[in-house]
Amino acid sequence: MGPILLLLGASANGATAIPTPPAPTCVAQPTPAVPCPDQVAFNSDAYDRMTVTVQVGGTGPYRFLVDTGADRSAVSSRLVESLGLEVKGGAVLHSAAGVADVDIVRVPRIELASRSIEGLDAPVLQAHNIGADGILGVDTLRAQRIVIDFKNDQIYLTPSPKREPRLSANEIVITGRLKSGHLILTDAEVDGEPVTVVVDTGAEVSIGNPALRDLLMRHRKLGQAYPVQLTAVTGQVLAGTMHMADEIDLDGARVSHVGIMFADAETFRAIGRAHKPTLLLGMNALRGFEEVAIDLDSKKLRLRIPRTDWSGDS
């Protein structure tokens, strides 16, 4: 058996349409821009996730999804064929919808702005399942601070700073922990109930496990449900129900009116959270902030709340 890989996020490719909730709104405090040498414009794909332009082996440009929920970067079979990359082996991949066997290829070099990542062993996925030419996972992002500026549609990459920059009045920094390379926050709530949060920029919608659903149901905090399904990066389908959360609270940074899909995702078993209330925090929630900074090295999430939404001094 090859290595075990984890790709948390799921895309909506070919899936049942998800009801569009009101745009999330924030009411509390979060993060300052960090000066950094690399600035990359990003685009939202059809599923509201982030894709950036990269070069692979000196060719391109190619469109890669930025995914803090993936422990390994991946490439599409179309890109493998185009570049003539040779299969080096296989691996077992855990995605949101299940487990699948995938091929592994050696990618000679990935270039993002002025940064170059050499010699990656990457799983091969179908382009129509990932919705891009590839995925940038935590293996390429671990030593970087990722600053996502939603207001200006920019991503900033910089080495993790030795000291945390000063906070401005409308910012908050949250310290979490790492599990399998993923940033996990424990001081969080959904509609007043405690929950563990995994930050996942590769998921267009936030996903809660059955334990969180049952907790909210016991306290009568779930309203009308809509059946939905998502297609994982492996092409497997994950079925669930969509509910609206009144509020997600991340250590005082609050996002209102967020859709959460509840499903028995393989992800929760892979990270040992199948029976404890857990939420994959997707892009539909993160976009409620003006800026999000993810630093896997220091285990910190830094958030900037739009000034029109926080109640501090100007």
C-alpha atoms as a PDB file:
ATOM      1  CA  MET A   1       0.000   0.000   0.000  1.00  0.00           C
ATOM      2  CA  GLY A   2       1.273   3.479  -0.854  1.00  0.00           C
ATOM      3  CA  PRO A   3       1.272   6.517   1.432  1.00  0.00           C
ATOM      4  CA  ILE A   4      -1.988   7.875   2.823  1.00  0.00           C
ATOM      5  CA  LEU A   5      -2.893  11.378   1.615  1.00  0.00           C
ATOM      6  CA  LEU A   6      -5.601  13.711   2.895  1.00  0.00           C
ATOM      7  CA  LEU A   7      -7.552  16.194   0.771  1.00  0.00           C
ATOM      8  CA  LEU A   8     -10.294  17.700   2.919  1.00  0.00           C
ATOM      9  CA  GLY A   9     -12.223  19.894   0.524  1.00  0.00           C
ATOM     10  CA  ALA A  10     -14.966  19.026  -1.906  1.00  0.00           C
ATOM     11  CA  SER A  11     -16.090  20.895  -5.002  1.00  0.00           C
ATOM     12  CA  ALA A  12     -19.584  21.391  -6.322  1.00  0.00           C
ATOM     13  CA  ASN A  13     -18.777  20.084  -9.798  1.00  0.00           C
ATOM     14  CA  GLY A  14     -21.832  18.364 -11.223  1.00  0.00           C
ATOM     15  CA  ALA A  15     -23.594  18.633  -7.892  1.00  0.00           C
ATOM     16  CA  THR A  16     -27.073  19.542  -6.826  1.00  0.00           C
ATOM     17  CA  ALA A  17     -27.323  23.326  -6.619  1.00  0.00           C
ATOM     18  CA  ILE A  18     -26.766  24.708  -3.145  1.00  0.00           C
ATOM     19  CA  PRO A  19     -29.262  27.369  -2.037  1.00  0.00           C
ATOM     20  CA  THR A  20     -27.536  30.745  -1.992  1.00  0.00           C
ATOM     21  CA  PRO A  21     -27.654  32.208   1.534  1.00  0.00           C
ATOM     22  CA  PRO A  22     -27.285  35.884   2.374  1.00  0.00           C
ATOM     23  CA  ALA A  23     -23.678  37.071   2.258  1.00  0.00           C
ATOM     24  CA  PRO A  24     -21.932  36.390   5.572  1.00  0.00           C
ATOM     25  CA  THR A  25     -21.523  39.403   7.813  1.00  0.00           C
ATOM     26  CA  CYS A  26     -18.938  39.834  10.576  1.00  0.00           C
ATOM     27  CA  VAL A  27     -19.381  41.521  13.934  1.00  0.00           C
ATOM     28  CA  ALA A  28     -16.264  41.550  16.145  1.00  0.00           C
ATOM     29  CA  GLN A  29     -12.549  41.720  15.760  1.00  0.00           C
ATOM     30  CA  PRO A  30      -9.614  40.379  13.351  1.00  0.00           C
ATOM     31  CA  THR A  31      -5.847  41.079  11.046  1.00  0.00           C
ATOM     32  CA  PRO A  32      -3.257  43.509   9.566  1.00  0.00           C
ATOM     33  CA  ALA A  33      -1.663  43.077   6.220  1.00  0.00           C
ATOM     34  CA  VAL A  34       1.791  41.563   6.505  1.00  0.00           C
ATOM     35  CA  PRO A  35       4.474  43.089   4.282  1.00  0.00           C
ATOM     36  CA  CYS A  36       5.726  40.388   1.956  1.00  0.00           C
ATOM     37  CA  PRO A  37       7.699  40.054  -1.226  1.00  0.00           C
ATOM     38  CA  ASP A  38       5.244  37.992  -3.243  1.00  0.00           C
ATOM     39  CA  GLN A  39       1.838  39.257  -4.274  1.00  0.00           C
ATOM     40  CA  VAL A  40      -0.355  37.102  -6.485  1.00  0.00           C
ATOM     41  CA  ALA A  41      -3.730  38.015  -7.946  1.00  0.00           C
ATOM     42  CA  PHE A  42      -6.268  35.262  -7.461  1.00  0.00           C
ATOM     43  CA  ASN A  43      -9.482  34.362  -9.182  1.00  0.00           C
ATOM     44  CA  SER A  44     -12.599  32.788  -7.743  1.00  0.00           C
ATOM     45  CA  ASP A  45     -13.540  29.649  -9.625  1.00  0.00           C
ATOM     46  CA  ALA A  46     -17.090  28.577 -10.411  1.00  0.00           C
ATOM     47  CA  TYR A  47     -17.400  27.267  -6.848  1.00  0.00           C
ATOM     48  CA  ASP A  48     -16.131  30.368  -5.012  1.00  0.00           C
ATOM     49  CA  ARG A  49     -12.703  28.927  -4.171  1.00  0.00           C
ATOM     50  CA  MET A  50      -9.298  30.521  -4.794  1.00  0.00           C
ATOM     51  CA  THR A  51      -7.169  29.696  -7.807  1.00  0.00           C
ATOM     52  CA  VAL A  52      -3.798  31.221  -8.676  1.00  0.00           C
ATOM     53  CA  THR A  53      -1.599  31.127 -11.757  1.00  0.00           C
ATOM     54  CA  VAL A  54       1.592  29.030 -11.550  1.00  0.00           C
ATOM     55  CA  GLN A  55       4.298  27.696 -13.845  1.00  0.00           C
ATOM     56  CA  VAL A  56       5.084  23.975 -13.820  1.00  0.00           C
ATOM     57  CA  GLY A  57       8.507  22.861 -15.024  1.00  0.00           C
ATOM     58  CA  GLY A  58       8.977  26.204 -16.770  1.00  0.00           C
ATOM     59  CA  THR A  59       5.726  25.929 -18.729  1.00  0.00           C
ATOM     60  CA  GLY A  60       2.322  27.461 -18.212  1.00  0.00           C
ATOM     61  CA  PRO A  61       0.507  29.387 -17.013  1.00  0.00           C
ATOM     62  CA  TYR A  62      -1.640  26.860 -15.170  1.00  0.00           C
ATOM     63  CA  ARG A  63      -4.454  27.416 -12.685  1.00  0.00           C
ATOM     64  CA  PHE A  64      -3.992  25.821  -9.233  1.00  0.00           C
ATOM     65  CA  LEU A  65      -6.425  25.777  -6.313  1.00  0.00           C
ATOM     66  CA  VAL A  66      -5.030  27.073  -2.979  1.00  0.00           C
ATOM     67  CA  ASP A  67      -6.127  24.431  -0.470  1.00  0.00           C
ATOM     68  CA  THR A  68      -5.123  24.500   3.206  1.00  0.00           C
ATOM     69  CA  GLY A  69      -7.239  21.367   3.613  1.00  0.00           C
ATOM     70  CA  ALA A  70      -4.942  19.277   1.399  1.00  0.00           C
ATOM     71  CA  ASP A  71      -1.829  17.775   2.962  1.00  0.00           C
ATOM     72  CA  ARG A  72      -0.262  17.292  -0.473  1.00  0.00           C
ATOM     73  CA  SER A  73      -0.236  19.309  -3.664  1.00  0.00           C
ATOM     74  CA  ALA A  74      -1.830  17.550  -6.639  1.00  0.00           C
ATOM     75  CA  VAL A  75      -1.882  17.785 -10.428  1.00  0.00           C
ATOM     76  CA  SER A  76      -4.535  16.973 -13.001  1.00  0.00           C
ATOM     77  CA  SER A  77      -4.235  14.033 -15.372  1.00  0.00           C
ATOM     78  CA  ARG A  78      -4.532  16.528 -18.230  1.00  0.00           C
ATOM     79  CA  LEU A  79      -1.437  18.360 -16.969  1.00  0.00           C
ATOM     80  CA  VAL A  80       0.428  15.068 -16.483  1.00  0.00           C
ATOM     81  CA  GLU A  81      -0.282  14.113 -20.083  1.00  0.00           C
ATOM     82  CA  SER A  82       0.625  17.558 -21.407  1.00  0.00           C
ATOM     83  CA  LEU A  83       4.003  17.575 -19.623  1.00  0.00           C
ATOM     84  CA  GLY A  84       4.749  13.897 -20.134  1.00  0.00           C
ATOM     85  CA  LEU A  85       5.174  13.223 -16.400  1.00  0.00           C
ATOM     86  CA  GLU A  86       5.857   9.606 -15.480  1.00  0.00           C
ATOM     87  CA  VAL A  87       3.884   7.700 -12.843  1.00  0.00           C
ATOM     88  CA  LYS A  88       6.214   6.774  -9.961  1.00  0.00           C
ATOM     89  CA  GLY A  89       3.850   4.802  -7.752  1.00  0.00           C
ATOM     90  CA  GLY A  90       0.500   4.913  -5.992  1.00  0.00           C
ATOM     91  CA  ALA A  91      -1.131   6.151  -2.805  1.00  0.00           C
ATOM     92  CA  VAL A  92      -4.356   5.951  -0.834  1.00  0.00           C
ATOM     93  CA  LEU A  93      -6.163   9.291  -0.825  1.00  0.00           C
ATOM     94  CA  HIS A  94      -8.765  10.330   1.769  1.00  0.00           C
ATOM     95  CA  SER A  95     -11.175  12.941   0.418  1.00  0.00           C
ATOM     96  CA  ALA A  96     -14.408  14.283   1.854  1.00  0.00           C
ATOM     97  CA  ALA A  97     -16.434  11.608   0.066  1.00  0.00           C
ATOM     98  CA  GLY A  98     -14.322   8.518   0.710  1.00  0.00           C
ATOM     99  CA  VAL A  99     -11.081   6.672   0.033  1.00  0.00           C
ATOM    100  CA  ALA A 100      -9.545   6.131  -3.412  1.00  0.00           C
ATOM    101  CA  ASP A 101      -6.328   4.794  -4.946  1.00  0.00           C
ATOM    102  CA  VAL A 102      -4.408   7.399  -6.978  1.00  0.00           C
ATOM    103  CA  ASP A 103      -1.241   7.514  -9.052  1.00  0.00           C
ATOM    104  CA  ILE A 104       1.780   9.551  -7.914  1.00  0.00           C
ATOM    105  CA  VAL A 105       4.003  11.527 -10.291  1.00  0.00           C
ATOM    106  CA  ARG A 106       7.177  13.537  -9.715  1.00  0.00           C
ATOM    107  CA  VAL A 107       6.632  17.218 -10.538  1.00  0.00           C
ATOM    108  CA  PRO A 108      10.013  18.814 -11.313  1.00  0.00           C
ATOM    109  CA  ARG A 109       9.179  22.371 -10.234  1.00  0.00           C
ATOM    110  CA  ILE A 110       6.239  24.602  -9.395  1.00  0.00           C
ATOM    111  CA  GLU A 111       6.762  28.364  -9.618  1.00  0.00           C
ATOM    112  CA  LEU A 112       4.434  30.802  -7.859  1.00  0.00           C
ATOM    113  CA  ALA A 113       5.458  34.454  -8.255  1.00  0.00           C
ATOM    114  CA  SER A 114       9.168  34.469  -7.288  1.00  0.00           C
ATOM    115  CA  ARG A 115       8.928  31.229  -5.302  1.00  0.00           C
ATOM    116  CA  SER A 116       9.987  27.853  -6.631  1.00  0.00           C
ATOM    117  CA  ILE A 117       9.084  24.473  -5.129  1.00  0.00           C
ATOM    118  CA  GLU A 118      11.314  21.674  -6.395  1.00  0.00           C
ATOM    119  CA  GLY A 119      10.732  17.958  -6.804  1.00  0.00           C
ATOM    120  CA  LEU A 120       7.211  17.278  -5.535  1.00  0.00           C
ATOM    121  CA  ASP A 121       5.625  13.831  -5.508  1.00  0.00           C
ATOM    122  CA  ALA A 122       1.998  14.661  -6.295  1.00  0.00           C
ATOM    123  CA  PRO A 123      -1.198  12.606  -6.608  1.00  0.00           C
ATOM    124  CA  VAL A 124      -2.943  12.686  -9.984  1.00  0.00           C
ATOM    125  CA  LEU A 125      -6.606  13.749 -10.108  1.00  0.00           C
ATOM    126  CA  GLN A 126      -9.072  14.469 -12.881  1.00  0.00           C
ATOM    127  CA  ALA A 127      -9.220  18.160 -13.869  1.00  0.00           C
ATOM    128  CA  HIS A 128     -13.027  18.168 -14.029  1.00  0.00           C
ATOM    129  CA  ASN A 129     -13.146  16.926 -10.430  1.00  0.00           C
ATOM    130  CA  ILE A 130     -10.748  19.486  -8.948  1.00  0.00           C
ATOM    131  CA  GLY A 131     -11.919  22.319 -11.213  1.00  0.00           C
ATOM    132  CA  ALA A 132      -8.330  23.412 -11.932  1.00  0.00           C
ATOM    133  CA  ASP A 133      -5.000  22.201 -13.315  1.00  0.00           C
ATOM    134  CA  GLY A 134      -3.760  21.325  -9.848  1.00  0.00           C
ATOM    135  CA  ILE A 135      -3.842  21.967  -6.120  1.00  0.00           C
ATOM    136  CA  LEU A 136      -1.369  23.800  -3.881  1.00  0.00           C
ATOM    137  CA  GLY A 137      -1.502  21.945  -0.565  1.00  0.00           C
ATOM    138  CA  VAL A 138       0.154  22.436   2.793  1.00  0.00           C
ATOM    139  CA  ASP A 139       3.363  20.727   1.609  1.00  0.00           C
ATOM    140  CA  THR A 140       4.042  23.848  -0.489  1.00  0.00           C
ATOM    141  CA  LEU A 141       2.469  26.325   1.949  1.00  0.00           C
ATOM    142  CA  ARG A 142       3.647  25.095   5.373  1.00  0.00           C
ATOM    143  CA  ALA A 143       6.582  27.496   5.803  1.00  0.00           C
ATOM    144  CA  GLN A 144       4.617  30.471   4.456  1.00  0.00           C
ATOM    145  CA  ARG A 145       2.152  32.938   5.833  1.00  0.00           C
ATOM    146  CA  ILE A 146      -0.791  33.041   3.421  1.00  0.00           C
ATOM    147  CA  VAL A 147      -2.586  36.382   3.479  1.00  0.00           C
ATOM    148  CA  ILE A 148      -5.831  36.403   1.507  1.00  0.00           C
ATOM    149  CA  ASP A 149      -7.000  39.948   0.804  1.00  0.00           C
ATOM    150  CA  PHE A 150     -10.601  39.514  -0.310  1.00  0.00           C
ATOM    151  CA  LYS A 151     -11.146  43.244  -0.662  1.00  0.00           C
ATOM    152  CA  ASN A 152      -8.483  43.564  -3.381  1.00  0.00           C
ATOM    153  CA  ASP A 153      -8.458  39.954  -4.675  1.00  0.00           C
ATOM    154  CA  GLN A 154      -4.814  39.362  -3.790  1.00  0.00           C
ATOM    155  CA  ILE A 155      -2.828  36.637  -2.064  1.00  0.00           C
ATOM    156  CA  TYR A 156       0.396  37.572  -0.270  1.00  0.00           C
ATOM    157  CA  LEU A 157       3.022  34.949   0.540  1.00  0.00           C
ATOM    158  CA  THR A 158       5.813  35.566   3.009  1.00  0.00           C
ATOM    159  CA  PRO A 159       7.998  33.435   5.265  1.00  0.00           C
ATOM    160  CA  SER A 160       6.383  33.003   8.675  1.00  0.00           C
ATOM    161  CA  PRO A 161       7.500  36.005  10.804  1.00  0.00           C
ATOM    162  CA  LYS A 162       9.455  35.394  13.997  1.00  0.00           C
ATOM    163  CA  ARG A 163       7.280  37.941  15.815  1.00  0.00           C
ATOM    164  CA  GLU A 164       3.585  38.580  15.294  1.00  0.00           C
ATOM    165  CA  PRO A 165       2.988  42.052  13.767  1.00  0.00           C
ATOM    166  CA  ARG A 166       0.905  44.449  15.837  1.00  0.00           C
ATOM    167  CA  LEU A 167      -2.839  44.128  15.570  1.00  0.00           C
ATOM    168  CA  SER A 168      -4.963  46.995  14.357  1.00  0.00           C
ATOM    169  CA  ALA A 169      -8.284  47.780  16.025  1.00  0.00           C
ATOM    170  CA  ASN A 170     -10.393  45.642  13.701  1.00  0.00           C
ATOM    171  CA  GLU A 171      -8.212  42.532  13.808  1.00  0.00           C
ATOM    172  CA  ILE A 172      -7.924  39.396  15.909  1.00  0.00           C
ATOM    173  CA  VAL A 173      -5.340  36.607  16.010  1.00  0.00           C
ATOM    174  CA  ILE A 174      -6.297  33.077  17.033  1.00  0.00           C
ATOM    175  CA  THR A 175      -3.768  30.424  18.001  1.00  0.00           C
ATOM    176  CA  GLY A 176      -4.707  26.861  17.118  1.00  0.00           C
ATOM    177  CA  ARG A 177      -2.863  23.592  16.698  1.00  0.00           C
ATOM    178  CA  LEU A 178      -1.768  21.455  13.771  1.00  0.00           C
ATOM    179  CA  LYS A 179      -3.029  17.986  12.974  1.00  0.00           C
ATOM    180  CA  SER A 180      -1.779  16.300   9.806  1.00  0.00           C
ATOM    181  CA  GLY A 181      -0.544  19.746   8.736  1.00  0.00           C
ATOM    182  CA  HIS A 182      -3.965  21.406   9.041  1.00  0.00           C
ATOM    183  CA  LEU A 183      -4.796  24.387  11.247  1.00  0.00           C
ATOM    184  CA  ILE A 184      -7.340  23.424  13.902  1.00  0.00           C
ATOM    185  CA  LEU A 185      -9.116  25.895  16.195  1.00  0.00           C
ATOM    186  CA  THR A 186     -10.706  24.727  19.433  1.00  0.00           C
ATOM    187  CA  ASP A 187     -12.108  27.980  20.840  1.00  0.00           C
ATOM    188  CA  ALA A 188     -15.083  28.216  18.480  1.00  0.00           C
ATOM    189  CA  GLU A 189     -18.863  27.981  18.537  1.00  0.00           C
ATOM    190  CA  VAL A 190     -21.716  27.426  16.099  1.00  0.00           C
ATOM    191  CA  ASP A 191     -24.906  29.081  17.363  1.00  0.00           C
ATOM    192  CA  GLY A 192     -23.540  29.028  20.903  1.00  0.00           C
ATOM    193  CA  GLU A 193     -22.452  25.368  20.877  1.00  0.00           C
ATOM    194  CA  PRO A 194     -18.745  24.445  21.185  1.00  0.00           C
ATOM    195  CA  VAL A 195     -17.084  23.079  18.050  1.00  0.00           C
ATOM    196  CA  THR A 196     -13.627  22.285  16.717  1.00  0.00           C
ATOM    197  CA  VAL A 197     -12.883  24.122  13.450  1.00  0.00           C
ATOM    198  CA  VAL A 198     -10.543  23.048  10.641  1.00  0.00           C
ATOM    199  CA  VAL A 199      -9.608  25.894   8.262  1.00  0.00           C
ATOM    200  CA  ASP A 200     -10.153  24.660   4.686  1.00  0.00           C
ATOM    201  CA  THR A 201      -9.687  27.104   1.792  1.00  0.00           C
ATOM    202  CA  GLY A 202     -10.317  24.291  -0.712  1.00  0.00           C
ATOM    203  CA  ALA A 203     -13.962  23.848   0.269  1.00  0.00           C
ATOM    204  CA  GLU A 204     -16.466  26.298  -1.185  1.00  0.00           C
ATOM    205  CA  VAL A 205     -18.971  25.481   1.544  1.00  0.00           C
ATOM    206  CA  SER A 206     -18.455  24.781   5.242  1.00  0.00           C
ATOM    207  CA  ILE A 207     -19.104  21.147   6.233  1.00  0.00           C
ATOM    208  CA  GLY A 208     -20.205  19.962   9.670  1.00  0.00           C
ATOM    209  CA  ASN A 209     -20.089  16.374  10.899  1.00  0.00           C
ATOM    210  CA  PRO A 210     -23.077  14.390  12.251  1.00  0.00           C
ATOM    211  CA  ALA A 211     -21.906  14.974  15.842  1.00  0.00           C
ATOM    212  CA  LEU A 212     -22.253  18.750  15.361  1.00  0.00           C
ATOM    213  CA  ARG A 213     -25.620  18.331  13.623  1.00  0.00           C
ATOM    214  CA  ASP A 214     -26.919  16.173  16.478  1.00  0.00           C
ATOM    215  CA  LEU A 215     -25.686  18.664  19.091  1.00  0.00           C
ATOM    216  CA  LEU A 216     -27.494  21.539  17.375  1.00  0.00           C
ATOM    217  CA  MET A 217     -30.645  19.461  16.910  1.00  0.00           C
ATOM    218  CA  ARG A 218     -30.753  18.543  20.590  1.00  0.00           C
ATOM    219  CA  HIS A 219     -30.792  22.229  21.445  1.00  0.00           C
ATOM    220  CA  ARG A 220     -33.319  23.037  18.700  1.00  0.00           C
ATOM    221  CA  LYS A 221     -30.851  25.210  16.780  1.00  0.00           C
ATOM    222  CA  LEU A 222     -31.315  23.780  13.297  1.00  0.00           C
ATOM    223  CA  GLY A 223     -33.950  25.144  10.985  1.00  0.00           C
ATOM    224  CA  GLN A 224     -35.119  24.131   7.532  1.00  0.00           C
ATOM    225  CA  ALA A 225     -32.860  21.689   5.675  1.00  0.00           C
ATOM    226  CA  TYR A 226     -32.128  21.416   1.943  1.00  0.00           C
ATOM    227  CA  PRO A 227     -30.737  18.209   0.379  1.00  0.00           C
ATOM    228  CA  VAL A 228     -27.373  18.820  -1.320  1.00  0.00           C
ATOM    229  CA  GLN A 229     -24.480  16.828  -2.696  1.00  0.00           C
ATOM    230  CA  LEU A 230     -20.875  17.671  -3.419  1.00  0.00           C
ATOM    231  CA  THR A 231     -18.339  15.975  -5.661  1.00  0.00           C
ATOM    232  CA  ALA A 232     -14.962  15.337  -4.034  1.00  0.00           C
ATOM    233  CA  VAL A 233     -11.639  15.746  -5.828  1.00  0.00           C
ATOM    234  CA  THR A 234     -11.699  11.984  -6.494  1.00  0.00           C
ATOM    235  CA  GLY A 235     -15.037  12.211  -8.308  1.00  0.00           C
ATOM    236  CA  GLN A 236     -16.904  10.513  -5.453  1.00  0.00           C
ATOM    237  CA  VAL A 237     -20.170  12.112  -4.380  1.00  0.00           C
ATOM    238  CA  LEU A 238     -20.935  13.226  -0.826  1.00  0.00           C
ATOM    239  CA  ALA A 239     -24.612  13.672   0.068  1.00  0.00           C
ATOM    240  CA  GLY A 240     -25.913  15.752   2.953  1.00  0.00           C
ATOM    241  CA  THR A 241     -28.274  18.502   4.034  1.00  0.00           C
ATOM    242  CA  MET A 242     -27.758  22.270   4.069  1.00  0.00           C
ATOM    243  CA  HIS A 243     -28.765  24.369   7.060  1.00  0.00           C
ATOM    244  CA  MET A 244     -28.285  28.048   7.853  1.00  0.00           C
ATOM    245  CA  ALA A 245     -26.249  28.865  10.958  1.00  0.00           C
ATOM    246  CA  ASP A 246     -27.160  32.143  12.626  1.00  0.00           C
ATOM    247  CA  GLU A 247     -23.578  32.671  13.789  1.00  0.00           C
ATOM    248  CA  ILE A 248     -20.118  31.090  13.767  1.00  0.00           C
ATOM    249  CA  ASP A 249     -17.889  32.498  16.516  1.00  0.00           C
ATOM    250  CA  LEU A 250     -14.106  32.129  16.185  1.00  0.00           C
ATOM    251  CA  ASP A 251     -12.750  33.319  19.537  1.00  0.00           C
ATOM    252  CA  GLY A 252     -14.724  36.577  19.245  1.00  0.00           C
ATOM    253  CA  ALA A 253     -14.664  36.957  15.447  1.00  0.00           C
ATOM    254  CA  ARG A 254     -18.237  36.275  14.429  1.00  0.00           C
ATOM    255  CA  VAL A 255     -19.702  35.509  11.021  1.00  0.00           C
ATOM    256  CA  SER A 256     -23.475  35.570  10.583  1.00  0.00           C
ATOM    257  CA  HIS A 257     -25.843  33.742   8.210  1.00  0.00           C
ATOM    258  CA  VAL A 258     -23.513  30.983   7.010  1.00  0.00           C
ATOM    259  CA  GLY A 259     -24.695  27.881   5.179  1.00  0.00           C
ATOM    260  CA  ILE A 260     -23.360  24.621   6.638  1.00  0.00           C
ATOM    261  CA  MET A 261     -23.620  21.286   4.874  1.00  0.00           C
ATOM    262  CA  PHE A 262     -23.948  18.407   7.334  1.00  0.00           C
ATOM    263  CA  ALA A 263     -22.580  15.114   6.050  1.00  0.00           C
ATOM    264  CA  ASP A 264     -20.788  11.977   7.208  1.00  0.00           C
ATOM    265  CA  ALA A 265     -17.583  12.948   5.405  1.00  0.00           C
ATOM    266  CA  GLU A 266     -14.562  10.644   5.363  1.00  0.00           C
ATOM    267  CA  THR A 267     -12.490  13.680   6.331  1.00  0.00           C
ATOM    268  CA  PHE A 268     -13.719  13.575   9.913  1.00  0.00           C
ATOM    269  CA  ARG A 269     -12.670   9.951  10.343  1.00  0.00           C
ATOM    270  CA  ALA A 270      -9.274  10.646   8.754  1.00  0.00           C
ATOM    271  CA  ILE A 271      -8.467  13.361  11.320  1.00  0.00           C
ATOM    272  CA  GLY A 272      -9.981  11.474  14.262  1.00  0.00           C
ATOM    273  CA  ARG A 273     -13.038  13.751  14.639  1.00  0.00           C
ATOM    274  CA  ALA A 274     -15.890  11.475  13.572  1.00  0.00           C
ATOM    275  CA  HIS A 275     -17.624  11.537  16.971  1.00  0.00           C
ATOM    276  CA  LYS A 276     -16.826  15.048  18.232  1.00  0.00           C
ATOM    277  CA  PRO A 277     -18.545  18.209  16.941  1.00  0.00           C
ATOM    278  CA  THR A 278     -16.319  19.483  14.126  1.00  0.00           C
ATOM    279  CA  LEU A 279     -16.648  21.995  11.278  1.00  0.00           C
ATOM    280  CA  LEU A 280     -14.587  22.365   8.103  1.00  0.00           C
ATOM    281  CA  LEU A 281     -14.568  26.146   7.713  1.00  0.00           C
ATOM    282  CA  GLY A 282     -14.938  26.771   3.982  1.00  0.00           C
ATOM    283  CA  MET A 283     -14.745  29.772   1.717  1.00  0.00           C
ATOM    284  CA  ASN A 284     -18.385  30.771   2.205  1.00  0.00           C
ATOM    285  CA  ALA A 285     -17.510  31.635   5.827  1.00  0.00           C
ATOM    286  CA  LEU A 286     -13.984  32.995   5.268  1.00  0.00           C
ATOM    287  CA  ARG A 287     -15.257  35.489   2.685  1.00  0.00           C
ATOM    288  CA  GLY A 288     -17.164  37.231   5.442  1.00  0.00           C
ATOM    289  CA  PHE A 289     -13.836  38.752   6.492  1.00  0.00           C
ATOM    290  CA  GLU A 290     -11.927  41.494   4.719  1.00  0.00           C
ATOM    291  CA  GLU A 291      -8.658  39.640   5.094  1.00  0.00           C
ATOM    292  CA  VAL A 292      -7.576  36.205   6.316  1.00  0.00           C
ATOM    293  CA  ALA A 293      -3.973  35.309   7.204  1.00  0.00           C
ATOM    294  CA  ILE A 294      -3.106  31.648   7.738  1.00  0.00           C
ATOM    295  CA  ASP A 295       0.271  30.815   9.269  1.00  0.00           C
ATOM    296  CA  LEU A 296       0.744  27.067   9.565  1.00  0.00           C
ATOM    297  CA  ASP A 297       4.232  27.414  11.028  1.00  0.00           C
ATOM    298  CA  SER A 298       3.097  29.477  14.048  1.00  0.00           C
ATOM    299  CA  LYS A 299      -0.361  27.827  14.127  1.00  0.00           C
ATOM    300  CA  LYS A 300      -2.133  31.191  13.905  1.00  0.00           C
ATOM    301  CA  LEU A 301      -5.196  32.495  12.086  1.00  0.00           C
ATOM    302  CA  ARG A 302      -5.370  36.269  11.754  1.00  0.00           C
ATOM    303  CA  LEU A 303      -8.634  37.900  10.696  1.00  0.00           C
ATOM    304  CA  ARG A 304      -9.564  41.399   9.641  1.00  0.00           C
ATOM    305  CA  ILE A 305     -13.195  42.403   9.983  1.00  0.00           C
ATOM    306  CA  PRO A 306     -14.662  45.099   7.732  1.00  0.00           C
ATOM    307  CA  ARG A 307     -14.768  48.349   9.738  1.00  0.00           C
ATOM    308  CA  THR A 308     -18.443  48.770   8.964  1.00  0.00           C
ATOM    309  CA  ASP A 309     -19.077  45.511  10.869  1.00  0.00           C
ATOM    310  CA  TRP A 310     -17.070  45.941  14.065  1.00  0.00           C
ATOM    311  CA  SER A 311     -17.997  47.988  17.067  1.00  0.00           C
ATOM    312  CA  GLY A 312     -14.623  49.336  18.166  1.00  0.00           C
ATOM    313  CA  ASP A 313     -13.170  52.838  18.017  1.00  0.00           C
ATOM    314  CA  SER A 314     -12.185  54.169  14.621  1.00  0.00           C
END
